[in-house]
Amino acid sequence: MEDGEDAHELMPRFSLNWANKNGVLYYATAGRYFSMPSFYQMFYADAYGYWLPNPNLKPEKGWTYDIGVKDDTAKNPWSFNVFYMDMTDKINMNDSYTQYINVDEYRAWGAEGRYKWNFHENWSYTQGISYLHAEEKTGGSDWVRSNMPRWDISGILNFKKDPWSAELSAHYYGDRQLSKTASTYDDGDIFIVNASVAWKVDRTTLRLACVNLFDKEFYLNNSGYINPERRFILSATYEF
């Protein structure tokens, strides 16, 4: 971008791994985090002045730490880990109006687990669950809760028999808080279902997907932004 600032960032990452004779892997990692704001976050604006751009957004910077155990080689793969992250200039939505802003400091810890049950030659089910406790602060203010959901529980049913494959996924987002003070809009729990079916021959894949299958409506932020309604997506990909 003309007159924009260049960004130079060293991204070190450290990792310790140990696997036992049964293939179970224990690991610990620490790494630098860096993410530039997107063009959409910086410059999107609607014709009514409801959504405001912010060309002065700064990149997110921080460190992430992760300790866990997993077995990807098992008949039914599984994993569990705990994590912590701290960040400066995290990009978030403003509580008072619709605009992306930088939060001075952000920290979060949590745990997540996953189990994939291959119960048939062509069928599998993956259960995931995660808990996130996130806080943020600006200037000399106290730490306050972030507006991210604390619980994320997902279930994914997969079918695969060449040339066909299909997926039915359900996601539950619980313990939400849209505003740091009093929310104007409903911040109740979210349950959303997506589905897709695909047909692949040689290098070509045709996919029909339905997002928000039951056409649920809920608020995504305290500015009254509502999630997209049910939609169907037809796509084609070719592998070179």
Protein backbone atom coordinates (compact mmCIF):
# COMPACT_ATOMS: atom_id res chain seq x y z
CA MET A 1 0.00 0.00 0.00
CA GLU A 2 1.40 3.42 -0.93
CA ASP A 3 2.72 5.38 2.09
CA GLY A 4 2.08 2.33 4.28
CA GLU A 5 4.56 1.11 6.88
CA ASP A 6 6.65 -2.01 6.31
CA ALA A 7 6.62 -4.68 9.02
CA HIS A 8 9.65 -6.78 9.95
CA GLU A 9 9.21 -9.45 12.60
CA LEU A 10 11.35 -12.36 13.77
CA MET A 11 9.16 -15.43 14.38
CA PRO A 12 11.06 -17.90 16.62
CA ARG A 13 9.40 -21.13 17.70
CA PHE A 14 10.70 -23.68 20.21
CA SER A 15 9.41 -27.22 20.57
CA LEU A 16 10.13 -30.29 22.72
CA ASN A 17 8.66 -33.67 21.72
CA TRP A 18 8.81 -37.17 23.16
CA ALA A 19 7.00 -40.25 21.85
CA ASN A 20 6.63 -43.54 23.71
CA LYS A 21 6.76 -46.97 22.10
CA ASN A 22 2.99 -46.96 21.55
CA GLY A 23 3.09 -43.82 19.41
CA VAL A 24 1.71 -41.41 22.02
CA LEU A 25 3.39 -38.02 21.59
CA TYR A 26 4.02 -35.57 24.44
CA TYR A 27 4.99 -32.05 23.46
CA ALA A 28 5.61 -28.50 24.67
CA THR A 29 5.93 -25.47 22.39
CA ALA A 30 6.52 -21.74 22.68
CA GLY A 31 6.42 -19.38 19.75
CA ARG A 32 6.16 -15.81 18.59
CA TYR A 33 2.80 -14.69 17.18
CA PHE A 34 2.41 -11.97 14.55
CA SER A 35 -0.58 -11.15 12.35
CA MET A 36 -1.18 -8.19 10.07
CA PRO A 37 -4.68 -6.65 9.89
CA SER A 38 -6.61 -7.60 6.78
CA PHE A 39 -7.59 -5.16 4.05
CA TYR A 40 -11.22 -5.75 5.02
CA GLN A 41 -10.61 -4.83 8.67
CA MET A 42 -8.79 -1.63 7.71
CA PHE A 43 -10.87 -0.24 4.85
CA TYR A 44 -14.35 -1.76 4.74
CA ALA A 45 -17.17 0.81 5.08
CA ASP A 46 -20.84 0.64 4.13
CA ALA A 47 -22.86 3.30 2.32
CA TYR A 48 -24.83 4.24 5.45
CA GLY A 49 -21.95 5.03 7.79
CA TYR A 50 -22.88 2.11 10.03
CA TRP A 51 -19.58 0.28 9.48
CA LEU A 52 -16.48 2.46 9.81
CA PRO A 53 -12.99 1.79 8.41
CA ASN A 54 -9.81 2.01 10.49
CA PRO A 55 -6.70 2.41 8.32
CA ASN A 56 -4.55 2.91 11.45
CA LEU A 57 -4.91 -0.66 12.69
CA LYS A 58 -1.63 -2.12 13.96
CA PRO A 59 -0.52 -5.76 13.64
CA GLU A 60 -1.12 -8.20 16.47
CA LYS A 61 2.01 -9.37 18.33
CA GLY A 62 2.52 -11.83 21.13
CA TRP A 63 3.67 -15.22 22.40
CA THR A 64 1.87 -18.55 22.59
CA TYR A 65 2.62 -21.53 24.85
CA ASP A 66 1.22 -25.03 24.49
CA ILE A 67 1.60 -28.32 26.41
CA GLY A 68 -0.20 -31.43 25.29
CA VAL A 69 -0.41 -35.09 24.40
CA LYS A 70 -1.82 -36.80 21.30
CA ASP A 71 -1.95 -40.06 19.39
CA ASP A 72 -2.54 -39.54 15.68
CA THR A 73 -1.56 -43.15 14.86
CA ALA A 74 -4.28 -44.80 16.96
CA LYS A 75 -7.31 -46.46 15.40
CA ASN A 76 -9.31 -43.68 17.02
CA PRO A 77 -6.98 -40.63 17.09
CA TRP A 78 -7.19 -38.26 20.07
CA SER A 79 -5.47 -35.21 21.53
CA PHE A 80 -5.53 -32.96 24.60
CA ASN A 81 -3.61 -29.78 25.36
CA VAL A 82 -3.54 -26.69 27.57
CA PHE A 83 -2.41 -23.31 26.29
CA TYR A 84 -1.64 -19.72 27.23
CA MET A 85 -1.14 -16.63 25.08
CA ASP A 86 -0.40 -12.98 25.67
CA MET A 87 -0.70 -10.36 22.98
CA THR A 88 -0.44 -6.64 22.31
CA ASP A 89 -2.61 -4.70 19.87
CA LYS A 90 -5.12 -7.52 19.45
CA ILE A 91 -7.70 -6.62 16.80
CA ASN A 92 -11.23 -6.61 18.16
CA MET A 93 -14.64 -5.10 17.47
CA ASN A 94 -15.52 -1.83 19.18
CA ASP A 95 -18.36 -2.19 21.70
CA SER A 96 -20.01 1.14 20.87
CA TYR A 97 -19.97 1.15 17.07
CA THR A 98 -19.00 -1.19 14.26
CA GLN A 99 -15.29 -0.69 13.69
CA TYR A 100 -12.21 -2.81 14.22
CA ILE A 101 -9.82 -1.42 16.85
CA ASN A 102 -6.61 -2.44 18.61
CA VAL A 103 -6.76 -3.58 22.24
CA ASP A 104 -3.57 -2.66 24.12
CA GLU A 105 -3.15 -5.96 25.99
CA TYR A 106 -4.77 -9.37 25.70
CA ARG A 107 -4.19 -12.64 27.52
CA ALA A 108 -5.93 -16.00 27.44
CA TRP A 109 -5.58 -19.52 28.77
CA GLY A 110 -7.57 -22.63 28.16
CA ALA A 111 -7.71 -26.30 27.25
CA GLU A 112 -8.97 -28.29 24.31
CA GLY A 113 -9.50 -31.93 23.46
CA ARG A 114 -10.45 -33.98 20.41
CA TYR A 115 -11.45 -37.61 19.81
CA LYS A 116 -12.12 -39.21 16.42
CA TRP A 117 -14.15 -42.39 16.44
CA ASN A 118 -13.75 -44.47 13.26
CA PHE A 119 -16.76 -46.70 13.86
CA HIS A 120 -17.17 -48.00 10.28
CA GLU A 121 -15.11 -48.40 7.14
CA ASN A 122 -16.84 -45.38 5.60
CA TRP A 123 -18.00 -43.49 8.69
CA SER A 124 -16.32 -41.49 11.45
CA TYR A 125 -17.35 -39.08 14.17
CA THR A 126 -15.10 -36.40 15.68
CA GLN A 127 -15.90 -34.81 19.04
CA GLY A 128 -14.13 -31.62 20.06
CA ILE A 129 -14.37 -29.44 23.14
CA SER A 130 -12.45 -26.34 24.24
CA TYR A 131 -12.59 -23.81 27.06
CA LEU A 132 -11.13 -20.31 26.75
CA HIS A 133 -10.71 -17.71 29.50
CA ALA A 134 -9.69 -14.45 27.81
CA GLU A 135 -9.13 -10.96 29.23
CA GLU A 136 -8.09 -7.61 27.79
CA LYS A 137 -7.21 -4.11 28.93
CA THR A 138 -6.61 -0.68 27.43
CA GLY A 139 -4.37 1.96 28.96
CA GLY A 140 -4.38 1.96 32.76
CA SER A 141 -7.77 0.27 33.09
CA ASP A 142 -8.33 -3.04 34.89
CA TRP A 143 -8.43 -6.37 33.10
CA VAL A 144 -11.92 -7.14 31.78
CA ARG A 145 -13.41 -10.22 30.17
CA SER A 146 -13.03 -10.52 26.40
CA ASN A 147 -16.20 -10.98 24.32
CA MET A 148 -15.13 -14.37 22.93
CA PRO A 149 -17.28 -17.41 23.89
CA ARG A 150 -15.73 -19.48 26.66
CA TRP A 151 -17.07 -22.84 25.47
CA ASP A 152 -16.73 -24.28 21.97
CA ILE A 153 -18.15 -27.79 21.57
CA SER A 154 -18.26 -29.40 18.14
CA GLY A 155 -19.38 -32.68 16.64
CA ILE A 156 -18.56 -33.73 13.07
CA LEU A 157 -20.02 -36.77 11.29
CA ASN A 158 -18.10 -37.82 8.17
CA PHE A 159 -18.88 -40.24 5.36
CA LYS A 160 -16.40 -41.22 2.65
CA LYS A 161 -16.80 -43.78 -0.12
CA ASP A 162 -15.16 -42.85 -3.39
CA PRO A 163 -16.13 -40.87 -5.33
CA TRP A 164 -18.51 -39.49 -2.67
CA SER A 165 -17.92 -37.80 0.67
CA ALA A 166 -20.21 -35.93 3.04
CA GLU A 167 -20.02 -34.05 6.32
CA LEU A 168 -22.53 -32.91 8.93
CA SER A 169 -21.14 -30.63 11.63
CA ALA A 170 -22.70 -29.03 14.70
CA HIS A 171 -21.11 -26.28 16.80
CA TYR A 172 -22.15 -24.99 20.20
CA TYR A 173 -20.71 -21.71 21.52
CA GLY A 174 -21.54 -21.12 25.17
CA ASP A 175 -21.04 -18.51 27.89
CA ARG A 176 -20.85 -15.53 25.54
CA GLN A 177 -20.55 -11.88 26.55
CA LEU A 178 -20.93 -9.31 23.79
CA SER A 179 -20.10 -6.24 25.85
CA LYS A 180 -17.79 -5.43 28.74
CA THR A 181 -20.69 -3.62 30.43
CA ALA A 182 -24.38 -4.27 29.69
CA SER A 183 -25.23 -5.86 26.35
CA THR A 184 -27.99 -4.24 24.32
CA TYR A 185 -28.48 -7.44 22.32
CA ASP A 186 -29.05 -11.05 23.23
CA ASP A 187 -25.75 -12.79 23.94
CA GLY A 188 -27.23 -16.23 24.58
CA ASP A 189 -25.56 -19.45 23.53
CA ILE A 190 -25.25 -20.37 19.85
CA PHE A 191 -25.98 -23.71 18.18
CA ILE A 192 -25.33 -23.88 14.45
CA VAL A 193 -25.30 -26.78 11.95
CA ASN A 194 -23.53 -27.00 8.58
CA ALA A 195 -23.63 -29.74 5.95
CA SER A 196 -21.83 -30.59 2.71
CA VAL A 197 -21.60 -33.31 0.08
CA ALA A 198 -18.80 -33.74 -2.48
CA TRP A 199 -18.12 -35.78 -5.59
CA LYS A 200 -14.53 -36.31 -6.77
CA VAL A 201 -13.34 -37.89 -10.00
CA ASP A 202 -9.67 -37.78 -10.94
CA ARG A 203 -8.53 -34.22 -10.13
CA THR A 204 -11.94 -32.54 -10.12
CA THR A 205 -14.12 -32.08 -7.03
CA LEU A 206 -17.66 -30.72 -7.02
CA ARG A 207 -19.01 -29.66 -3.62
CA LEU A 208 -22.43 -28.48 -2.44
CA ALA A 209 -22.47 -26.97 1.05
CA CYS A 210 -25.17 -25.50 3.25
CA VAL A 211 -24.06 -23.07 5.96
CA ASN A 212 -26.41 -22.45 8.89
CA LEU A 213 -28.65 -25.34 7.87
CA PHE A 214 -31.54 -24.45 10.22
CA ASP A 215 -31.33 -20.71 9.48
CA LYS A 216 -30.57 -19.68 13.07
CA GLU A 217 -30.27 -15.97 13.86
CA PHE A 218 -28.08 -14.50 16.59
CA TYR A 219 -26.07 -11.37 17.34
CA LEU A 220 -22.32 -11.46 16.79
CA ASN A 221 -21.48 -8.21 18.59
CA ASN A 222 -23.01 -5.41 20.65
CA SER A 223 -23.44 -3.26 17.55
CA GLY A 224 -26.35 -5.45 16.46
CA TYR A 225 -24.51 -7.31 13.68
CA ILE A 226 -26.46 -10.49 12.87
CA ASN A 227 -24.90 -13.65 11.49
CA PRO A 228 -25.50 -14.50 7.81
CA GLU A 229 -28.71 -16.38 7.05
CA ARG A 230 -28.81 -19.90 5.62
CA ARG A 231 -26.94 -20.08 2.34
CA PHE A 232 -25.96 -22.70 -0.23
CA ILE A 233 -22.53 -22.75 -1.83
CA LEU A 234 -21.68 -24.72 -4.97
CA SER A 235 -17.97 -24.95 -5.76
CA ALA A 236 -15.62 -26.77 -8.09
CA THR A 237 -11.89 -27.35 -7.63
CA TYR A 238 -9.27 -28.82 -9.90
CA GLU A 239 -5.90 -30.13 -8.71
CA PHE A 240 -2.99 -29.41 -11.02
